[in-house]
Amino acid sequence: METPTEVLLYFDQIAGEAKRARLLAISPHGYYEVNLQTAAGPRRALLPIAKTFVLSTELEETPGLSVEVER
């Protein structure tokens, strides 16, 4: 996943549905750097990779399957 990118986050500290965020960086020290969208505006957060599920909001492009039948 390239950064920065818009993502949905699920993590232990906030229960319930996914939170909108912008993934800014993936640290080799074990955390995601994100801007969380809150009612008061975006807030910078560092979330542990081990306890955070990141889902891209953009669909991955999959190459079309081309099946050729030899006759």
C-alpha atoms as a PDB file:
ATOM      1  CA  MET A   1       0.000   0.000   0.000  1.00  0.00           C
ATOM      2  CA  GLU A   2       1.417   3.347  -0.977  1.00  0.00           C
ATOM      3  CA  THR A   3       1.365   6.315   1.358  1.00  0.00           C
ATOM      4  CA  PRO A   4      -0.286   8.687   1.780  1.00  0.00           C
ATOM      5  CA  THR A   5      -3.650   7.047   1.054  1.00  0.00           C
ATOM      6  CA  GLU A   6      -7.204   7.128   2.402  1.00  0.00           C
ATOM      7  CA  VAL A   7      -8.008   4.118   4.611  1.00  0.00           C
ATOM      8  CA  LEU A   8     -10.516   2.668   7.046  1.00  0.00           C
ATOM      9  CA  LEU A   9      -9.097   1.657  10.435  1.00  0.00           C
ATOM     10  CA  TYR A  10     -10.236  -0.882  12.994  1.00  0.00           C
ATOM     11  CA  PHE A  11      -8.311  -0.942  16.264  1.00  0.00           C
ATOM     12  CA  ASP A  12      -8.664  -2.001  19.914  1.00  0.00           C
ATOM     13  CA  GLN A  13      -8.685   1.477  21.433  1.00  0.00           C
ATOM     14  CA  ILE A  14     -11.879   2.516  19.615  1.00  0.00           C
ATOM     15  CA  ALA A  15     -14.569  -0.168  19.522  1.00  0.00           C
ATOM     16  CA  GLY A  16     -17.270  -0.315  16.915  1.00  0.00           C
ATOM     17  CA  GLU A  17     -17.193   0.535  13.251  1.00  0.00           C
ATOM     18  CA  ALA A  18     -14.234   1.581  11.144  1.00  0.00           C
ATOM     19  CA  LYS A  19     -12.789   5.073  11.421  1.00  0.00           C
ATOM     20  CA  ARG A  20     -11.830   7.109   8.365  1.00  0.00           C
ATOM     21  CA  ALA A  21      -8.187   8.110   8.251  1.00  0.00           C
ATOM     22  CA  ARG A  22      -5.325   9.050   5.965  1.00  0.00           C
ATOM     23  CA  LEU A  23      -2.375   6.674   6.232  1.00  0.00           C
ATOM     24  CA  LEU A  24       0.742   8.845   6.205  1.00  0.00           C
ATOM     25  CA  ALA A  25       3.533   6.368   6.931  1.00  0.00           C
ATOM     26  CA  ILE A  26       4.335   2.826   8.042  1.00  0.00           C
ATOM     27  CA  SER A  27       7.149   2.946  10.570  1.00  0.00           C
ATOM     28  CA  PRO A  28       9.789   0.221  10.837  1.00  0.00           C
ATOM     29  CA  HIS A  29       9.403   0.752  14.606  1.00  0.00           C
ATOM     30  CA  GLY A  30       5.982  -0.959  14.611  1.00  0.00           C
ATOM     31  CA  TYR A  31       3.335   1.705  14.141  1.00  0.00           C
ATOM     32  CA  TYR A  32       1.146   3.386  11.524  1.00  0.00           C
ATOM     33  CA  GLU A  33       1.188   7.187  11.391  1.00  0.00           C
ATOM     34  CA  VAL A  34      -2.308   8.374  10.479  1.00  0.00           C
ATOM     35  CA  ASN A  35      -4.536  11.426  10.459  1.00  0.00           C
ATOM     36  CA  LEU A  36      -7.819  10.291  12.060  1.00  0.00           C
ATOM     37  CA  GLN A  37     -10.966  12.102  10.968  1.00  0.00           C
ATOM     38  CA  THR A  38     -12.817  13.383  14.064  1.00  0.00           C
ATOM     39  CA  ALA A  39     -15.761  15.747  14.539  1.00  0.00           C
ATOM     40  CA  ALA A  40     -13.255  18.484  15.471  1.00  0.00           C
ATOM     41  CA  GLY A  41     -11.103  17.816  12.399  1.00  0.00           C
ATOM     42  CA  PRO A  42      -8.143  15.577  11.607  1.00  0.00           C
ATOM     43  CA  ARG A  43      -5.946  14.403  14.478  1.00  0.00           C
ATOM     44  CA  ARG A  44      -2.474  12.836  14.110  1.00  0.00           C
ATOM     45  CA  ALA A  45      -2.148   9.402  15.739  1.00  0.00           C
ATOM     46  CA  LEU A  46       0.439   6.643  16.020  1.00  0.00           C
ATOM     47  CA  LEU A  47      -1.241   3.224  16.105  1.00  0.00           C
ATOM     48  CA  PRO A  48       0.488  -0.104  16.827  1.00  0.00           C
ATOM     49  CA  ILE A  49       0.653  -2.320  13.751  1.00  0.00           C
ATOM     50  CA  ALA A  50      -0.029  -5.468  15.815  1.00  0.00           C
ATOM     51  CA  LYS A  51      -3.427  -4.169  17.012  1.00  0.00           C
ATOM     52  CA  THR A  52      -4.617  -2.256  13.947  1.00  0.00           C
ATOM     53  CA  PHE A  53      -6.419  -3.476  10.833  1.00  0.00           C
ATOM     54  CA  VAL A  54      -6.011  -1.171   7.817  1.00  0.00           C
ATOM     55  CA  LEU A  55      -8.374  -1.354   4.848  1.00  0.00           C
ATOM     56  CA  SER A  56      -7.793   0.729   1.720  1.00  0.00           C
ATOM     57  CA  THR A  57     -10.810   2.680   0.488  1.00  0.00           C
ATOM     58  CA  GLU A  58      -9.699   2.212  -3.120  1.00  0.00           C
ATOM     59  CA  LEU A  59     -10.427  -1.044  -4.909  1.00  0.00           C
ATOM     60  CA  GLU A  60      -7.483  -3.027  -6.205  1.00  0.00           C
ATOM     61  CA  GLU A  61      -7.436  -3.416  -9.940  1.00  0.00           C
ATOM     62  CA  THR A  62      -7.442  -7.050 -10.913  1.00  0.00           C
ATOM     63  CA  PRO A  63      -6.337  -8.088 -14.342  1.00  0.00           C
ATOM     64  CA  GLY A  64      -9.184  -9.488 -16.398  1.00  0.00           C
ATOM     65  CA  LEU A  65      -9.079 -13.205 -16.839  1.00  0.00           C
ATOM     66  CA  SER A  66      -8.751 -14.051 -20.465  1.00  0.00           C
ATOM     67  CA  VAL A  67      -9.580 -17.654 -21.077  1.00  0.00           C
ATOM     68  CA  GLU A  68      -8.748 -18.870 -24.535  1.00  0.00           C
ATOM     69  CA  VAL A  69     -10.190 -22.127 -25.708  1.00  0.00           C
ATOM     70  CA  GLU A  70      -8.250 -23.876 -28.430  1.00  0.00           C
ATOM     71  CA  ARG A  71     -10.504 -25.531 -30.993  1.00  0.00           C
END
